[in-house]
């Protein structure tokens, strides 16, 4: 029986810019609270800002999430190398070291080209 081993997650940096809706609390700048901050009125104002596109994080279940900032990526632990997980038991197997299918394919084709050049 073959174990079903997969990385806990896979991260891909998205190219370009994206529009992110940012919510800011409504305040009355003329009135101050006891700490000297503008008085909160309740509710939010929304503004669309152009920001870096961020990252897509893919999970073995088929789910994915979009993360906008590097701070959030670090907070969630997505900047570290993912561990391999046995999908049947949920147990961690070992840390994953550059075993992305895309990276392995690029590594193989680079080696092939290099070895051909060295032979000429």
C-alpha atoms as a PDB file:
ATOM      1  CA  UNK A   1       0.000   0.000   0.000  1.00  0.00           C
ATOM      2  CA  UNK A   2       1.392   3.402  -1.014  1.00  0.00           C
ATOM      3  CA  UNK A   3       1.142   6.258   1.467  1.00  0.00           C
ATOM      4  CA  UNK A   4      -0.540   9.426   0.267  1.00  0.00           C
ATOM      5  CA  UNK A   5       2.173  12.021   1.095  1.00  0.00           C
ATOM      6  CA  UNK A   6       1.723  15.655   0.045  1.00  0.00           C
ATOM      7  CA  UNK A   7       3.158  19.046   1.055  1.00  0.00           C
ATOM      8  CA  UNK A   8       1.084  20.863   3.683  1.00  0.00           C
ATOM      9  CA  UNK A   9       0.843  23.868   1.308  1.00  0.00           C
ATOM     10  CA  UNK A  10       2.406  25.361  -1.823  1.00  0.00           C
ATOM     11  CA  UNK A  11       2.997  29.102  -2.326  1.00  0.00           C
ATOM     12  CA  UNK A  12       3.112  31.028  -5.618  1.00  0.00           C
ATOM     13  CA  UNK A  13       3.964  34.752  -5.845  1.00  0.00           C
ATOM     14  CA  UNK A  14       1.553  36.538  -8.158  1.00  0.00           C
ATOM     15  CA  UNK A  15       2.942  39.014 -10.695  1.00  0.00           C
ATOM     16  CA  UNK A  16       1.702  42.551 -11.212  1.00  0.00           C
ATOM     17  CA  UNK A  17      -0.725  44.676  -9.228  1.00  0.00           C
ATOM     18  CA  UNK A  18      -4.175  44.108  -7.814  1.00  0.00           C
ATOM     19  CA  UNK A  19      -7.003  46.223  -6.411  1.00  0.00           C
ATOM     20  CA  UNK A  20      -7.532  45.777  -2.672  1.00  0.00           C
ATOM     21  CA  UNK A  21     -10.499  47.246  -0.840  1.00  0.00           C
ATOM     22  CA  UNK A  22      -9.339  48.795   2.434  1.00  0.00           C
ATOM     23  CA  UNK A  23     -11.754  49.616   5.271  1.00  0.00           C
ATOM     24  CA  UNK A  24     -11.013  52.572   7.553  1.00  0.00           C
ATOM     25  CA  UNK A  25     -13.092  53.373  10.659  1.00  0.00           C
ATOM     26  CA  UNK A  26     -15.168  56.559  10.439  1.00  0.00           C
ATOM     27  CA  UNK A  27     -13.867  59.199  12.853  1.00  0.00           C
ATOM     28  CA  UNK A  28     -14.615  62.781  13.816  1.00  0.00           C
ATOM     29  CA  UNK A  29     -11.191  64.507  13.741  1.00  0.00           C
ATOM     30  CA  UNK A  30     -12.565  67.567  15.596  1.00  0.00           C
ATOM     31  CA  UNK A  31     -13.599  65.547  18.669  1.00  0.00           C
ATOM     32  CA  UNK A  32     -11.051  63.561  20.697  1.00  0.00           C
ATOM     33  CA  UNK A  33     -11.413  60.627  23.099  1.00  0.00           C
ATOM     34  CA  UNK A  34      -9.677  60.543  26.505  1.00  0.00           C
ATOM     35  CA  UNK A  35      -6.409  59.315  24.883  1.00  0.00           C
ATOM     36  CA  UNK A  36      -6.354  62.182  22.374  1.00  0.00           C
ATOM     37  CA  UNK A  37      -7.359  60.042  19.350  1.00  0.00           C
ATOM     38  CA  UNK A  38     -10.089  61.113  16.934  1.00  0.00           C
ATOM     39  CA  UNK A  39     -13.514  60.004  18.183  1.00  0.00           C
ATOM     40  CA  UNK A  40     -14.833  56.853  16.475  1.00  0.00           C
ATOM     41  CA  UNK A  41     -18.274  57.388  14.912  1.00  0.00           C
ATOM     42  CA  UNK A  42     -18.997  53.769  14.006  1.00  0.00           C
ATOM     43  CA  UNK A  43     -19.008  52.260  10.565  1.00  0.00           C
ATOM     44  CA  UNK A  44     -16.319  52.263   7.913  1.00  0.00           C
ATOM     45  CA  UNK A  45     -15.294  54.093   4.784  1.00  0.00           C
ATOM     46  CA  UNK A  46     -13.990  51.932   1.947  1.00  0.00           C
ATOM     47  CA  UNK A  47     -11.262  52.797  -0.507  1.00  0.00           C
ATOM     48  CA  UNK A  48      -9.843  50.754  -3.387  1.00  0.00           C
ATOM     49  CA  UNK A  49      -6.029  50.815  -3.472  1.00  0.00           C
ATOM     50  CA  UNK A  50      -3.652  49.432  -6.087  1.00  0.00           C
ATOM     51  CA  UNK A  51      -1.135  47.147  -4.363  1.00  0.00           C
ATOM     52  CA  UNK A  52       1.203  44.280  -5.274  1.00  0.00           C
ATOM     53  CA  UNK A  53      -0.805  41.219  -6.309  1.00  0.00           C
ATOM     54  CA  UNK A  54       0.372  39.152  -3.317  1.00  0.00           C
ATOM     55  CA  UNK A  55       0.560  35.362  -3.054  1.00  0.00           C
ATOM     56  CA  UNK A  56      -1.666  32.376  -3.704  1.00  0.00           C
ATOM     57  CA  UNK A  57      -1.390  29.547  -1.190  1.00  0.00           C
ATOM     58  CA  UNK A  58      -2.654  26.137  -2.320  1.00  0.00           C
ATOM     59  CA  UNK A  59      -3.574  23.260  -0.004  1.00  0.00           C
ATOM     60  CA  UNK A  60      -3.702  19.512  -0.773  1.00  0.00           C
ATOM     61  CA  UNK A  61      -7.484  19.448  -0.275  1.00  0.00           C
ATOM     62  CA  UNK A  62      -7.857  21.673  -3.346  1.00  0.00           C
ATOM     63  CA  UNK A  63      -8.593  24.833  -1.351  1.00  0.00           C
ATOM     64  CA  UNK A  64      -6.580  28.013  -1.873  1.00  0.00           C
ATOM     65  CA  UNK A  65      -6.285  31.441  -0.293  1.00  0.00           C
ATOM     66  CA  UNK A  66      -5.030  34.806  -1.519  1.00  0.00           C
ATOM     67  CA  UNK A  67      -2.658  36.629   0.858  1.00  0.00           C
ATOM     68  CA  UNK A  68      -1.923  40.307   0.172  1.00  0.00           C
ATOM     69  CA  UNK A  69       1.064  41.135   2.418  1.00  0.00           C
ATOM     70  CA  UNK A  70       4.389  39.556   3.329  1.00  0.00           C
ATOM     71  CA  UNK A  71       3.662  40.283   7.011  1.00  0.00           C
ATOM     72  CA  UNK A  72       0.543  38.109   6.801  1.00  0.00           C
ATOM     73  CA  UNK A  73       2.489  35.383   4.959  1.00  0.00           C
ATOM     74  CA  UNK A  74       5.050  35.338   7.776  1.00  0.00           C
ATOM     75  CA  UNK A  75       2.362  35.426  10.491  1.00  0.00           C
ATOM     76  CA  UNK A  76       0.603  32.427   8.955  1.00  0.00           C
ATOM     77  CA  UNK A  77       3.904  30.530   8.539  1.00  0.00           C
ATOM     78  CA  UNK A  78       3.741  30.357   4.731  1.00  0.00           C
ATOM     79  CA  UNK A  79       7.248  31.796   4.189  1.00  0.00           C
ATOM     80  CA  UNK A  80       8.845  28.686   5.728  1.00  0.00           C
ATOM     81  CA  UNK A  81       9.376  25.422   3.840  1.00  0.00           C
ATOM     82  CA  UNK A  82       6.227  23.284   4.167  1.00  0.00           C
ATOM     83  CA  UNK A  83       6.303  19.893   5.825  1.00  0.00           C
ATOM     84  CA  UNK A  84       5.122  16.746   4.095  1.00  0.00           C
ATOM     85  CA  UNK A  85       1.916  15.305   5.516  1.00  0.00           C
ATOM     86  CA  UNK A  86       0.441  11.810   5.343  1.00  0.00           C
ATOM     87  CA  UNK A  87      -3.027  12.638   3.976  1.00  0.00           C
ATOM     88  CA  UNK A  88      -4.604   9.529   5.500  1.00  0.00           C
ATOM     89  CA  UNK A  89      -3.430  10.070   9.094  1.00  0.00           C
ATOM     90  CA  UNK A  90      -2.638  13.814   9.146  1.00  0.00           C
ATOM     91  CA  UNK A  91       0.821  13.076  10.602  1.00  0.00           C
ATOM     92  CA  UNK A  92       3.802  15.192   9.578  1.00  0.00           C
ATOM     93  CA  UNK A  93       6.342  13.093   7.704  1.00  0.00           C
ATOM     94  CA  UNK A  94       9.368  15.352   7.084  1.00  0.00           C
ATOM     95  CA  UNK A  95      10.249  18.879   6.031  1.00  0.00           C
ATOM     96  CA  UNK A  96       9.976  19.502   2.318  1.00  0.00           C
ATOM     97  CA  UNK A  97      13.047  20.788   0.500  1.00  0.00           C
ATOM     98  CA  UNK A  98      12.364  22.255  -2.967  1.00  0.00           C
ATOM     99  CA  UNK A  99      10.205  19.386  -4.205  1.00  0.00           C
ATOM    100  CA  UNK A 100       7.721  21.519  -6.134  1.00  0.00           C
ATOM    101  CA  UNK A 101       6.906  19.768  -9.380  1.00  0.00           C
ATOM    102  CA  UNK A 102       7.583  22.993 -11.276  1.00  0.00           C
ATOM    103  CA  UNK A 103      10.963  23.489  -9.558  1.00  0.00           C
ATOM    104  CA  UNK A 104      11.964  19.870 -10.119  1.00  0.00           C
ATOM    105  CA  UNK A 105      11.056  20.124 -13.797  1.00  0.00           C
ATOM    106  CA  UNK A 106      13.068  23.325 -14.216  1.00  0.00           C
ATOM    107  CA  UNK A 107      15.994  21.776 -12.344  1.00  0.00           C
ATOM    108  CA  UNK A 108      15.951  18.700 -14.585  1.00  0.00           C
ATOM    109  CA  UNK A 109      15.843  20.751 -17.807  1.00  0.00           C
ATOM    110  CA  UNK A 110      18.672  23.020 -16.557  1.00  0.00           C
ATOM    111  CA  UNK A 111      20.845  20.000 -15.800  1.00  0.00           C
ATOM    112  CA  UNK A 112      20.107  18.513 -19.205  1.00  0.00           C
ATOM    113  CA  UNK A 113      21.123  21.699 -21.019  1.00  0.00           C
ATOM    114  CA  UNK A 114      24.253  22.127 -18.919  1.00  0.00           C
ATOM    115  CA  UNK A 115      25.421  18.557 -19.426  1.00  0.00           C
ATOM    116  CA  UNK A 116      24.931  18.838 -23.205  1.00  0.00           C
ATOM    117  CA  UNK A 117      27.001  22.020 -23.328  1.00  0.00           C
ATOM    118  CA  UNK A 118      29.772  20.437 -21.248  1.00  0.00           C
ATOM    119  CA  UNK A 119      30.038  17.548 -23.734  1.00  0.00           C
ATOM    120  CA  UNK A 120      30.574  19.770 -26.794  1.00  0.00           C
END
